[in-house]
Amino acid sequence: METIGFEINGFHHQASLHRAMSNRVNKTIVYYHGGGFIFGSKDDLPSHAIDHFTKAGFDLLCMDYPKAPEMKLPQICDFIEMQLLWFLDNHHIMNLSNDYILFGRSAGGYLALFLTKRMIEMNKKVPESVIVFYGYSTFEDAEFKKASDHYGRYPKMTFDDVKSAIEDIPLFVSDLRKRYPLYVYSRQKGNWLQLLGINDRTEEYTIDVEVSEFPKLFLAASQFDYDVSYKQSLLLQRKSKSGQLFTSSMSEHAFDQKASQESLDLYKKLIKWLKQ
């Protein structure tokens, strides 16, 4: 793995680059992690996933981005847009191709969809394909606007319990032990969208209408996901012109994190799909 330094809009941060191991296909997978925009790491992909991509000849560039609530979702979206445009202009510096694929898990899936929409709108180079694992294209889902039944089963948290996790400056690298409780608190209280700064602007950040114009789309989700409703992936599949959906029967959100047989089958199908 190589660490790549970036400076976007005055903010220094890093990306992790995993180069193709053999049979390089000269395509770059640009990855965005999950974490409800509040926590998470560019290095959260399991090793078996990285191996599948690099052994199949793909370069994998894993991006970090500023977190909420220090930055609100509109600013996060502006940031990753500038970040991707920088990559498209400077890919040669890293000896990478700008023939690219966007990949996101959970919140990162939303970012991948957002970036595809923006590249289309700006008439910039569009990704060849988009991969979204247990993601979403809208915040209009009622589950995002109310207190979560699932997180309500966790020990009850107050703002005093989590306020020390909020920094005074934009945060790229987060401590899971400090930040995950902040996410749990926001879902317990039903104010997650408020932390993202879009509680009264959710319609602005819906992407469903444009999905029919997207490049080919690969989706994966669990029908028993406790964090993001399976219907979000079904909606995306219906809206897309060439969406393929892998459905897991597991109850975990990030069901591909463990190297289970189902997870290995998922990545094998994904690689086959990418090479079609």
Protein backbone atom coordinates (compact mmCIF):
# COMPACT_ATOMS: atom_id res chain seq x y z
CA MET A 1 0.00 0.00 0.00
CA GLU A 2 1.13 3.54 -0.77
CA THR A 3 0.02 6.69 1.03
CA ILE A 4 -0.84 9.60 -1.25
CA GLY A 5 -0.93 13.15 0.11
CA PHE A 6 -3.61 15.57 -1.09
CA GLU A 7 -4.32 19.23 -0.52
CA ILE A 8 -7.86 20.22 -1.46
CA ASN A 9 -9.23 23.66 -0.64
CA GLY A 10 -6.42 24.18 1.88
CA PHE A 11 -6.99 20.89 3.72
CA HIS A 12 -4.20 18.32 3.85
CA HIS A 13 -5.34 14.69 3.93
CA GLN A 14 -4.34 11.29 2.59
CA ALA A 15 -5.51 8.50 0.32
CA SER A 16 -4.41 4.87 0.32
CA LEU A 17 -3.34 3.37 -3.00
CA HIS A 18 -3.32 -0.38 -3.64
CA ARG A 19 -1.80 -1.09 -7.03
CA ALA A 20 -2.80 -3.96 -9.30
CA MET A 21 -0.78 -7.06 -8.51
CA SER A 22 -0.72 -8.45 -12.05
CA ASN A 23 -2.53 -8.33 -15.40
CA ARG A 24 -3.18 -4.61 -14.94
CA VAL A 25 -6.35 -3.51 -16.74
CA ASN A 26 -5.39 0.18 -16.47
CA LYS A 27 -8.54 1.21 -14.60
CA THR A 28 -8.79 2.89 -11.21
CA ILE A 29 -11.41 2.06 -8.60
CA VAL A 30 -11.98 5.16 -6.45
CA TYR A 31 -13.41 4.10 -3.08
CA TYR A 32 -15.37 6.04 -0.43
CA HIS A 33 -15.93 4.51 3.00
CA GLY A 34 -19.06 4.46 5.13
CA GLY A 35 -19.78 5.61 8.66
CA GLY A 36 -22.86 7.80 8.42
CA PHE A 37 -20.57 10.71 7.40
CA ILE A 38 -19.63 10.91 11.11
CA PHE A 39 -16.99 8.19 11.52
CA GLY A 40 -15.08 5.73 9.34
CA SER A 41 -11.76 5.28 7.60
CA LYS A 42 -10.43 5.07 4.07
CA ASP A 43 -8.74 1.84 5.17
CA ASP A 44 -11.90 0.01 6.23
CA LEU A 45 -12.09 -2.36 3.24
CA PRO A 46 -11.42 -5.96 4.27
CA SER A 47 -8.22 -7.51 2.94
CA HIS A 48 -10.13 -10.09 0.90
CA ALA A 49 -11.89 -7.27 -0.98
CA ILE A 50 -8.62 -5.48 -1.73
CA ASP A 51 -7.10 -8.76 -2.92
CA HIS A 52 -10.00 -9.42 -5.29
CA PHE A 53 -9.58 -6.02 -6.94
CA THR A 54 -5.79 -5.96 -7.20
CA LYS A 55 -5.49 -9.59 -8.35
CA ALA A 56 -8.03 -8.82 -11.06
CA GLY A 57 -5.76 -6.02 -12.32
CA PHE A 58 -7.51 -2.96 -10.89
CA ASP A 59 -5.74 -0.13 -9.06
CA LEU A 60 -7.66 0.84 -5.92
CA LEU A 61 -7.54 4.41 -4.57
CA CYS A 62 -9.22 4.74 -1.16
CA MET A 63 -10.23 8.30 -0.29
CA ASP A 64 -10.74 10.08 3.01
CA TYR A 65 -13.14 12.99 3.38
CA PRO A 66 -14.09 15.46 6.13
CA LYS A 67 -16.68 14.26 8.61
CA ALA A 68 -19.88 15.67 10.03
CA PRO A 69 -20.86 17.48 12.15
CA GLU A 70 -17.64 19.55 11.90
CA MET A 71 -18.45 19.85 8.20
CA LYS A 72 -22.03 19.58 7.00
CA LEU A 73 -23.06 17.36 4.11
CA PRO A 74 -23.19 20.21 1.54
CA GLN A 75 -19.55 21.06 2.33
CA ILE A 76 -18.55 17.38 2.30
CA CYS A 77 -20.10 17.00 -1.15
CA ASP A 78 -18.32 20.12 -2.42
CA PHE A 79 -15.05 18.76 -1.05
CA ILE A 80 -15.23 15.33 -2.67
CA GLU A 81 -16.22 16.95 -5.96
CA MET A 82 -13.01 19.02 -5.91
CA GLN A 83 -11.10 15.92 -4.80
CA LEU A 84 -12.33 13.82 -7.73
CA LEU A 85 -11.67 16.63 -10.21
CA TRP A 86 -8.12 16.83 -8.84
CA PHE A 87 -7.71 13.10 -9.45
CA LEU A 88 -9.01 13.39 -13.02
CA ASP A 89 -6.53 16.20 -13.73
CA ASN A 90 -3.54 14.67 -11.90
CA HIS A 91 -3.94 10.89 -12.21
CA HIS A 92 -0.70 10.68 -14.20
CA ILE A 93 1.29 11.90 -11.17
CA MET A 94 0.32 8.65 -9.42
CA ASN A 95 0.78 6.59 -12.59
CA LEU A 96 -2.94 5.83 -12.59
CA SER A 97 -5.53 5.79 -15.33
CA ASN A 98 -8.42 8.25 -15.30
CA ASP A 99 -10.63 5.51 -16.71
CA TYR A 100 -12.29 5.04 -13.37
CA ILE A 101 -14.99 3.27 -11.38
CA LEU A 102 -16.65 4.76 -8.31
CA PHE A 103 -17.20 2.46 -5.33
CA GLY A 104 -18.84 3.35 -2.04
CA ARG A 105 -20.19 1.49 0.95
CA SER A 106 -23.11 2.86 2.98
CA ALA A 107 -22.58 6.65 3.27
CA GLY A 108 -19.77 6.24 0.74
CA GLY A 109 -22.32 4.75 -1.64
CA TYR A 110 -24.27 8.00 -1.48
CA LEU A 111 -21.07 9.92 -2.23
CA ALA A 112 -20.35 7.71 -5.26
CA LEU A 113 -23.84 8.40 -6.61
CA PHE A 114 -23.51 12.13 -5.89
CA LEU A 115 -20.20 12.32 -7.73
CA THR A 116 -21.61 10.50 -10.75
CA LYS A 117 -24.48 12.97 -10.87
CA ARG A 118 -22.10 15.94 -10.64
CA MET A 119 -19.72 14.64 -13.32
CA ILE A 120 -22.71 14.27 -15.67
CA GLU A 121 -23.96 17.78 -14.82
CA MET A 122 -20.53 19.36 -15.35
CA ASN A 123 -19.84 17.41 -18.53
CA LYS A 124 -16.71 15.91 -16.97
CA LYS A 125 -15.36 12.40 -17.44
CA VAL A 126 -18.02 10.04 -16.06
CA PRO A 127 -17.13 6.79 -14.27
CA GLU A 128 -17.37 3.66 -16.40
CA SER A 129 -19.48 2.06 -13.70
CA VAL A 130 -20.65 2.65 -10.14
CA ILE A 131 -20.60 0.18 -7.24
CA VAL A 132 -22.85 0.81 -4.23
CA PHE A 133 -22.91 -1.54 -1.25
CA TYR A 134 -25.83 -1.03 1.18
CA GLY A 135 -26.07 2.61 0.16
CA TYR A 136 -28.80 5.13 -0.48
CA SER A 137 -29.71 7.85 -2.93
CA THR A 138 -32.16 9.80 -0.78
CA PHE A 139 -32.52 11.05 2.77
CA GLU A 140 -36.31 11.16 2.41
CA ASP A 141 -36.63 7.67 3.91
CA ALA A 142 -38.74 7.92 7.07
CA GLU A 143 -36.23 5.71 8.91
CA PHE A 144 -33.63 8.48 8.63
CA LYS A 145 -35.99 11.09 10.10
CA LYS A 146 -37.13 9.35 13.26
CA ALA A 147 -35.58 7.65 16.25
CA SER A 148 -34.20 4.26 15.21
CA ASP A 149 -35.78 1.19 16.77
CA HIS A 150 -32.52 -0.71 16.33
CA TYR A 151 -30.28 1.89 17.95
CA GLY A 152 -32.92 2.41 20.61
CA ARG A 153 -31.91 -1.00 21.96
CA TYR A 154 -28.43 0.32 22.70
CA PRO A 155 -27.70 1.97 26.08
CA LYS A 156 -29.35 5.39 26.03
CA MET A 157 -26.98 8.28 25.36
CA THR A 158 -27.24 11.99 26.03
CA PHE A 159 -25.46 14.83 24.27
CA ASP A 160 -23.22 15.20 27.31
CA ASP A 161 -22.03 11.62 26.69
CA VAL A 162 -20.87 12.37 23.15
CA LYS A 163 -20.10 16.09 22.89
CA SER A 164 -16.38 15.57 23.55
CA ALA A 165 -16.20 13.67 20.23
CA ILE A 166 -16.96 16.86 18.29
CA GLU A 167 -13.86 18.80 17.25
CA ASP A 168 -13.37 22.49 16.50
CA ILE A 169 -11.74 21.83 13.12
CA PRO A 170 -12.62 19.58 10.16
CA LEU A 171 -11.88 15.95 10.92
CA PHE A 172 -10.65 13.40 8.37
CA VAL A 173 -9.33 10.60 10.56
CA SER A 174 -11.71 9.62 13.34
CA ASP A 175 -11.37 7.52 16.47
CA LEU A 176 -14.09 4.88 16.18
CA ARG A 177 -14.42 4.59 19.96
CA LYS A 178 -15.24 8.30 20.22
CA ARG A 179 -17.20 8.84 17.03
CA TYR A 180 -19.41 5.76 16.79
CA PRO A 181 -21.27 6.72 20.00
CA LEU A 182 -21.98 10.11 18.37
CA TYR A 183 -23.62 8.32 15.44
CA VAL A 184 -25.59 6.04 17.78
CA TYR A 185 -26.77 9.09 19.74
CA SER A 186 -27.94 10.83 16.56
CA ARG A 187 -29.93 7.77 15.45
CA GLN A 188 -31.43 7.30 18.92
CA LYS A 189 -32.61 10.90 19.00
CA GLY A 190 -33.68 10.99 15.36
CA ASN A 191 -31.47 14.03 14.69
CA TRP A 192 -28.90 12.47 12.36
CA LEU A 193 -30.00 14.70 9.47
CA GLN A 194 -29.64 17.72 11.74
CA LEU A 195 -26.00 16.76 12.41
CA LEU A 196 -25.52 16.56 8.65
CA GLY A 197 -27.03 20.02 8.25
CA ILE A 198 -29.78 18.94 5.84
CA ASN A 199 -32.78 18.27 8.10
CA ASP A 200 -34.83 20.85 6.16
CA ARG A 201 -33.09 20.26 2.79
CA THR A 202 -33.38 16.50 2.24
CA GLU A 203 -35.11 16.84 -1.12
CA GLU A 204 -32.15 18.81 -2.48
CA TYR A 205 -29.88 15.84 -1.83
CA THR A 206 -32.02 13.16 -3.49
CA ILE A 207 -30.39 11.54 -6.52
CA ASP A 208 -33.08 9.09 -7.66
CA VAL A 209 -34.31 11.10 -10.64
CA GLU A 210 -30.93 11.12 -12.37
CA VAL A 211 -30.04 7.45 -11.86
CA SER A 212 -31.64 6.46 -15.18
CA GLU A 213 -28.85 8.41 -16.93
CA PHE A 214 -26.05 6.75 -14.99
CA PRO A 215 -23.47 4.27 -16.27
CA LYS A 216 -23.97 0.65 -15.28
CA LEU A 217 -24.61 0.10 -11.58
CA PHE A 218 -23.76 -2.82 -9.27
CA LEU A 219 -25.64 -2.93 -5.97
CA ALA A 220 -25.30 -5.14 -2.92
CA ALA A 221 -27.44 -5.08 0.21
CA SER A 222 -28.93 -7.28 2.89
CA GLN A 223 -32.70 -7.63 2.93
CA PHE A 224 -32.50 -7.62 6.74
CA ASP A 225 -30.20 -4.59 7.09
CA TYR A 226 -30.86 -2.84 10.43
CA ASP A 227 -29.13 0.42 9.47
CA VAL A 228 -30.07 1.21 5.86
CA SER A 229 -33.34 -0.13 4.49
CA TYR A 230 -33.07 -2.74 1.73
CA LYS A 231 -35.73 -0.80 -0.16
CA GLN A 232 -33.13 1.89 -0.88
CA SER A 233 -31.20 -0.60 -3.06
CA LEU A 234 -34.41 -1.86 -4.66
CA LEU A 235 -35.30 1.73 -5.54
CA LEU A 236 -31.91 2.28 -7.15
CA GLN A 237 -32.19 -0.93 -9.13
CA ARG A 238 -35.60 0.07 -10.48
CA LYS A 239 -34.39 3.55 -11.44
CA SER A 240 -31.19 2.44 -13.16
CA LYS A 241 -31.03 1.26 -16.75
CA SER A 242 -28.57 -1.55 -16.05
CA GLY A 243 -28.57 -2.13 -12.30
CA GLN A 244 -27.53 -5.52 -10.94
CA LEU A 245 -28.43 -6.31 -7.32
CA PHE A 246 -26.72 -8.86 -5.07
CA THR A 247 -29.01 -9.64 -2.14
CA SER A 248 -27.65 -10.99 1.12
CA SER A 249 -29.76 -13.00 3.54
CA MET A 250 -27.60 -11.92 6.49
CA SER A 251 -28.81 -9.43 9.09
CA GLU A 252 -25.58 -7.43 9.21
CA HIS A 253 -25.23 -4.02 7.59
CA ALA A 254 -21.64 -4.42 6.34
CA PHE A 255 -22.14 -8.10 5.58
CA ASP A 256 -19.11 -8.24 3.28
CA GLN A 257 -16.67 -7.27 6.04
CA LYS A 258 -16.06 -10.88 7.04
CA ALA A 259 -14.58 -13.34 4.55
CA SER A 260 -17.69 -15.54 4.57
CA GLN A 261 -18.59 -17.67 1.58
CA GLU A 262 -21.34 -15.21 0.73
CA SER A 263 -18.90 -12.29 0.86
CA LEU A 264 -16.38 -14.10 -1.34
CA ASP A 265 -19.16 -14.95 -3.81
CA LEU A 266 -20.16 -11.28 -3.87
CA TYR A 267 -16.70 -10.05 -4.82
CA LYS A 268 -16.27 -12.80 -7.42
CA LYS A 269 -19.54 -11.74 -9.06
CA LEU A 270 -18.51 -8.09 -8.85
CA ILE A 271 -15.17 -8.74 -10.58
CA LYS A 272 -16.89 -10.76 -13.31
CA TRP A 273 -19.38 -7.91 -13.78
CA LEU A 274 -16.60 -5.30 -13.96
CA LYS A 275 -14.84 -7.28 -16.70
CA GLN A 276 -17.92 -7.76 -18.88
